[in-house]
Protein backbone atom coordinates (compact mmCIF):
# COMPACT_ATOMS: atom_id res chain seq x y z
CA MET A 1 -24.96 2.24 7.54
CA GLY A 2 -23.54 4.87 9.87
CA GLY A 3 -22.61 2.24 12.43
CA ALA A 4 -20.54 0.28 9.92
CA TYR A 5 -18.81 3.48 8.75
CA TRP A 6 -17.73 4.44 12.25
CA GLN A 7 -16.61 0.89 12.99
CA GLY A 8 -14.33 1.10 9.97
CA PHE A 9 -13.20 4.57 10.99
CA ARG A 10 -12.18 3.38 14.46
CA ALA A 11 -10.33 0.42 12.92
CA GLY A 12 -8.36 2.81 10.70
CA VAL A 13 -7.39 5.28 13.43
CA PRO A 14 -4.35 3.33 14.76
CA PHE A 15 -2.69 3.57 11.34
CA VAL A 16 -2.57 7.34 11.77
CA LEU A 17 0.53 6.80 13.91
CA VAL A 18 2.50 5.60 10.88
CA VAL A 19 0.65 7.23 7.98
CA ALA A 20 1.34 10.75 9.27
CA PRO A 21 5.15 10.41 9.47
CA PHE A 22 5.12 8.33 6.29
CA GLY A 23 3.43 11.18 4.41
CA LEU A 24 5.69 13.72 6.07
CA LEU A 25 8.72 11.73 4.97
CA PHE A 26 7.53 11.52 1.39
CA GLY A 27 7.00 15.27 1.25
CA VAL A 28 10.54 15.82 2.51
CA VAL A 29 12.10 13.30 0.11
CA ALA A 30 10.12 14.58 -2.87
CA THR A 31 11.21 18.19 -2.40
CA GLU A 32 14.81 17.13 -1.78
CA ALA A 33 14.63 15.19 -5.07
CA GLY A 34 13.67 18.38 -6.90
CA LEU A 35 9.88 18.16 -7.12
CA ASP A 36 7.96 21.34 -6.41
CA ILE A 37 4.81 21.53 -4.28
CA VAL A 38 2.44 21.02 -7.21
CA GLN A 39 4.35 18.00 -8.53
CA THR A 40 4.64 16.46 -5.06
CA MET A 41 0.95 16.84 -4.29
CA ALA A 42 -0.10 15.70 -7.78
CA MET A 43 1.91 12.51 -7.35
CA THR A 44 0.46 11.94 -3.89
CA VAL A 45 -3.17 12.55 -4.85
CA LEU A 46 -3.07 10.67 -8.15
CA VAL A 47 -1.02 7.67 -7.03
CA ILE A 48 -1.96 7.50 -3.31
CA ALA A 49 0.42 4.58 -2.80
CA GLY A 50 3.42 5.37 -0.65
CA ALA A 51 5.60 2.40 -1.49
CA SER A 52 5.39 2.87 -5.26
CA GLN A 53 5.81 6.63 -4.88
CA PHE A 54 9.03 6.15 -2.93
CA ALA A 55 10.29 3.55 -5.39
CA ALA A 56 9.59 5.69 -8.46
CA LEU A 57 10.99 8.81 -6.81
CA GLN A 58 14.20 7.03 -5.85
CA LEU A 59 14.72 5.86 -9.42
CA LEU A 60 14.01 9.31 -10.84
CA SER A 61 16.49 10.77 -8.37
CA ASP A 62 19.08 8.29 -9.65
CA ASN A 63 18.38 9.48 -13.22
CA ALA A 64 16.84 6.18 -14.24
CA PRO A 65 14.77 6.18 -17.44
CA THR A 66 11.18 7.29 -16.88
CA PHE A 67 9.75 4.02 -18.19
CA VAL A 68 11.83 2.10 -15.63
CA ALA A 69 10.45 4.25 -12.83
CA ILE A 70 6.91 3.69 -14.09
CA LEU A 71 7.41 -0.08 -14.43
CA THR A 72 8.87 -0.25 -10.93
CA GLY A 73 5.93 1.66 -9.51
CA LEU A 74 3.54 -0.69 -11.30
CA ALA A 75 5.44 -3.73 -10.05
CA VAL A 76 5.35 -2.50 -6.46
CA ASN A 77 1.61 -1.87 -6.84
CA MET A 78 0.98 -5.26 -8.44
CA ARG A 79 -0.32 -6.38 -5.07
CA MET A 80 -3.34 -4.11 -5.63
CA ALA A 81 -4.55 -6.51 -8.33
CA MET A 82 -4.53 -9.31 -5.76
CA TYR A 83 -6.26 -7.03 -3.24
CA SER A 84 -8.97 -6.30 -5.82
CA ALA A 85 -9.49 -9.97 -6.56
CA SER A 86 -9.79 -10.67 -2.85
CA LEU A 87 -12.42 -7.95 -2.36
CA THR A 88 -14.46 -8.81 -5.46
CA PRO A 89 -16.65 -11.43 -3.70
CA HIS A 90 -17.58 -8.76 -1.14
CA LEU A 91 -17.80 -5.53 -3.18
CA GLY A 92 -18.00 -6.75 -6.79
CA LYS A 93 -21.75 -6.13 -7.08
CA ALA A 94 -21.46 -2.42 -6.30
CA SER A 95 -22.09 0.13 -9.05
CA LEU A 96 -19.29 1.08 -11.44
CA GLY A 97 -18.93 4.50 -9.83
CA MET A 98 -18.71 3.04 -6.34
CA ARG A 99 -16.21 0.42 -7.45
CA SER A 100 -14.13 3.18 -9.01
CA LEU A 101 -14.02 4.99 -5.66
CA VAL A 102 -13.08 1.77 -3.90
CA ALA A 103 -10.30 1.21 -6.44
CA TYR A 104 -8.95 4.71 -5.85
CA PHE A 105 -8.95 4.37 -2.07
CA LEU A 106 -7.68 0.79 -2.10
CA VAL A 107 -4.45 1.05 -0.14
CA ASP A 108 -2.67 -1.43 2.09
CA GLN A 109 -4.38 -0.19 5.23
CA SER A 110 -7.94 -0.05 3.89
CA TYR A 111 -7.56 -3.50 2.36
CA ALA A 112 -6.07 -5.10 5.47
CA ILE A 113 -8.73 -3.62 7.73
CA SER A 114 -11.67 -4.40 5.47
CA VAL A 115 -10.83 -7.93 4.39
CA VAL A 116 -10.35 -9.04 8.00
CA GLU A 117 -13.75 -7.61 8.91
CA TYR A 118 -15.46 -9.18 5.88
CA GLU A 119 -14.06 -12.57 6.81
CA LYS A 120 -15.19 -12.14 10.41
CA ALA A 121 -18.67 -10.91 9.46
CA PRO A 122 -19.60 -12.42 6.06
CA ALA A 123 -23.30 -11.73 6.69
CA ARG A 124 -22.85 -7.96 6.26
CA VAL A 125 -24.86 -6.62 3.34
CA LEU A 126 -23.15 -4.72 0.51
CA PRO A 127 -24.00 -1.18 1.76
CA GLU A 128 -22.54 -2.05 5.17
CA LYS A 129 -19.38 -3.43 3.60
CA LEU A 130 -18.95 -0.31 1.49
CA ALA A 131 -19.56 1.92 4.49
CA TYR A 132 -17.00 -0.02 6.51
CA PHE A 133 -14.42 0.24 3.71
CA PHE A 134 -14.80 4.00 3.31
CA GLY A 135 -14.81 4.42 7.07
CA SER A 136 -11.50 2.59 7.30
CA VAL A 137 -9.80 4.91 4.83
CA SER A 138 -11.35 8.15 6.16
CA PRO A 139 -8.74 8.79 8.88
CA ILE A 140 -5.92 7.68 6.56
CA ALA A 141 -6.26 9.41 3.18
CA PRO A 142 -6.67 13.01 4.44
CA LEU A 143 -3.63 12.64 6.69
CA TRP A 144 -1.61 11.20 3.81
CA TYR A 145 -2.41 14.25 1.69
CA GLY A 146 -2.04 16.73 4.53
CA PHE A 147 1.25 15.50 5.96
CA THR A 148 2.75 15.13 2.50
CA TYR A 149 2.03 18.84 2.01
CA VAL A 150 3.51 19.69 5.41
CA GLY A 151 6.62 17.68 4.61
CA ALA A 152 6.97 19.36 1.22
CA VAL A 153 6.59 22.84 2.70
CA ALA A 154 8.54 22.53 5.91
CA GLY A 155 10.56 19.37 5.40
CA LYS A 156 13.95 21.01 5.39
CA ALA A 157 13.27 22.52 8.80
CA ILE A 158 12.70 19.09 10.41
CA PRO A 159 15.76 18.07 12.45
CA PRO A 160 17.40 14.89 11.08
CA GLU A 161 17.46 13.27 14.53
CA TYR A 162 13.70 12.73 14.32
CA ALA A 163 14.43 9.90 11.85
CA LEU A 164 11.06 9.89 10.11
CA ASP A 165 12.14 7.01 7.89
CA PHE A 166 11.11 4.60 10.63
CA ALA A 167 7.52 4.96 9.37
CA VAL A 168 8.16 3.01 6.16
CA PRO A 169 9.24 -0.36 7.62
CA ILE A 170 6.87 -0.11 10.57
CA THR A 171 3.89 0.46 8.25
CA PHE A 172 4.59 -2.63 6.19
CA ILE A 173 5.50 -4.82 9.14
CA SER A 174 2.17 -3.94 10.76
CA LEU A 175 0.35 -4.83 7.54
CA VAL A 176 2.21 -7.94 6.48
CA ALA A 177 2.77 -9.68 9.82
CA PRO A 178 -0.92 -10.38 10.59
CA ALA A 179 -1.40 -11.74 7.05
CA LEU A 180 1.25 -14.46 7.43
CA ARG A 181 -1.29 -17.01 8.57
CA SER A 182 -0.87 -19.73 5.95
CA LEU A 183 1.93 -21.59 4.20
CA PRO A 184 1.36 -19.85 0.81
CA HIS A 185 1.59 -16.42 2.46
CA ILE A 186 4.73 -17.35 4.37
CA ALA A 187 6.33 -18.86 1.27
CA ALA A 188 5.57 -15.77 -0.81
CA ALA A 189 7.05 -13.51 1.87
CA PHE A 190 10.17 -15.67 2.20
CA VAL A 191 10.75 -15.83 -1.56
CA SER A 192 10.22 -12.09 -2.02
CA VAL A 193 12.68 -11.16 0.73
CA THR A 194 15.29 -13.72 -0.30
CA MET A 195 15.17 -12.88 -4.00
CA ALA A 196 15.09 -9.13 -3.41
CA LEU A 197 18.32 -9.43 -1.43
CA PHE A 198 19.87 -11.87 -3.89
CA LEU A 199 19.02 -9.64 -6.87
CA ALA A 200 19.94 -6.34 -5.23
CA TRP A 201 22.81 -5.97 -7.71
CA LEU A 202 20.46 -5.53 -10.67
CA PRO A 203 20.26 -1.95 -11.99
CA TYR A 204 17.43 0.45 -11.15
CA ASN A 205 16.11 -1.83 -8.39
CA SER A 206 14.71 -4.12 -11.09
CA GLY A 207 15.38 -7.03 -8.77
CA LEU A 208 12.27 -5.97 -6.84
CA MET A 209 10.10 -6.64 -9.89
CA VAL A 210 11.63 -10.07 -10.41
CA ALA A 211 11.30 -10.89 -6.71
CA ALA A 212 7.63 -9.85 -6.69
CA VAL A 213 6.79 -12.09 -9.64
CA LEU A 214 8.68 -15.07 -8.20
CA ALA A 215 7.00 -14.58 -4.82
CA MET A 216 3.52 -14.61 -6.34
CA MET A 217 4.39 -17.70 -8.36
CA ALA A 218 5.67 -19.48 -5.26
CA GLY A 219 2.60 -18.59 -3.22
CA ALA A 220 0.22 -19.63 -6.00
CA ALA A 221 2.05 -22.92 -6.59
CA ILE A 222 1.92 -23.91 -2.94
CA GLU A 223 -1.73 -22.91 -2.66
CA LYS A 224 -2.63 -25.08 -5.67
CA ARG A 225 -0.70 -28.00 -4.22
CA LEU A 226 -2.50 -27.69 -0.90
CA GLU A 227 -5.86 -27.51 -2.67
CA ALA A 228 -5.01 -30.64 -4.65
CA LYS A 229 -4.25 -32.53 -1.45
CA ALA A 230 -7.44 -31.37 0.26
């Protein structure tokens, strides 16, 4: 299984280039928003989902109600449910404990890396698939924790001209772009972007939640229509 682990590890290494500044940026933003080191690291370790962390933190900084921040974070992470469903045919027969670990380390990068490999090599046995998954997240998770801590401790000393916020859009472009391979995926992306912009006036960024739901509905509807024609 060691070979599969290191294959996954090597596949995850390129994401270090965006995960490190992404984590650094979150540490900076969290401390600037008033969180102390313990609160920042607790949020990072427990949630381990940068997009929802940023979304919730922004709302809390704007004095939004706590339940709105939680709902927004859940809405942003709604994609994890779809990730889980997609991985179930490959990892669903693992033990409860192993599936719990997979669920914890299921992030955009580990999902994108693993699902592509599983589709390319469906003959892999379950232990190999698990090893590949954990290998893919091994270079990512420690850096996320570590650079969040660095950002929280030394964030204010980082010169603003370094513009660390570039890591956020680059991370998601690198993840989403390769996945836009079918009409349902493209439709969901188009609807989400269009509706998010159209509903930007809604309070507490609630337009993002509406856009996410509409995008999933659009993608599912087109996929069903294509299946009916097939």
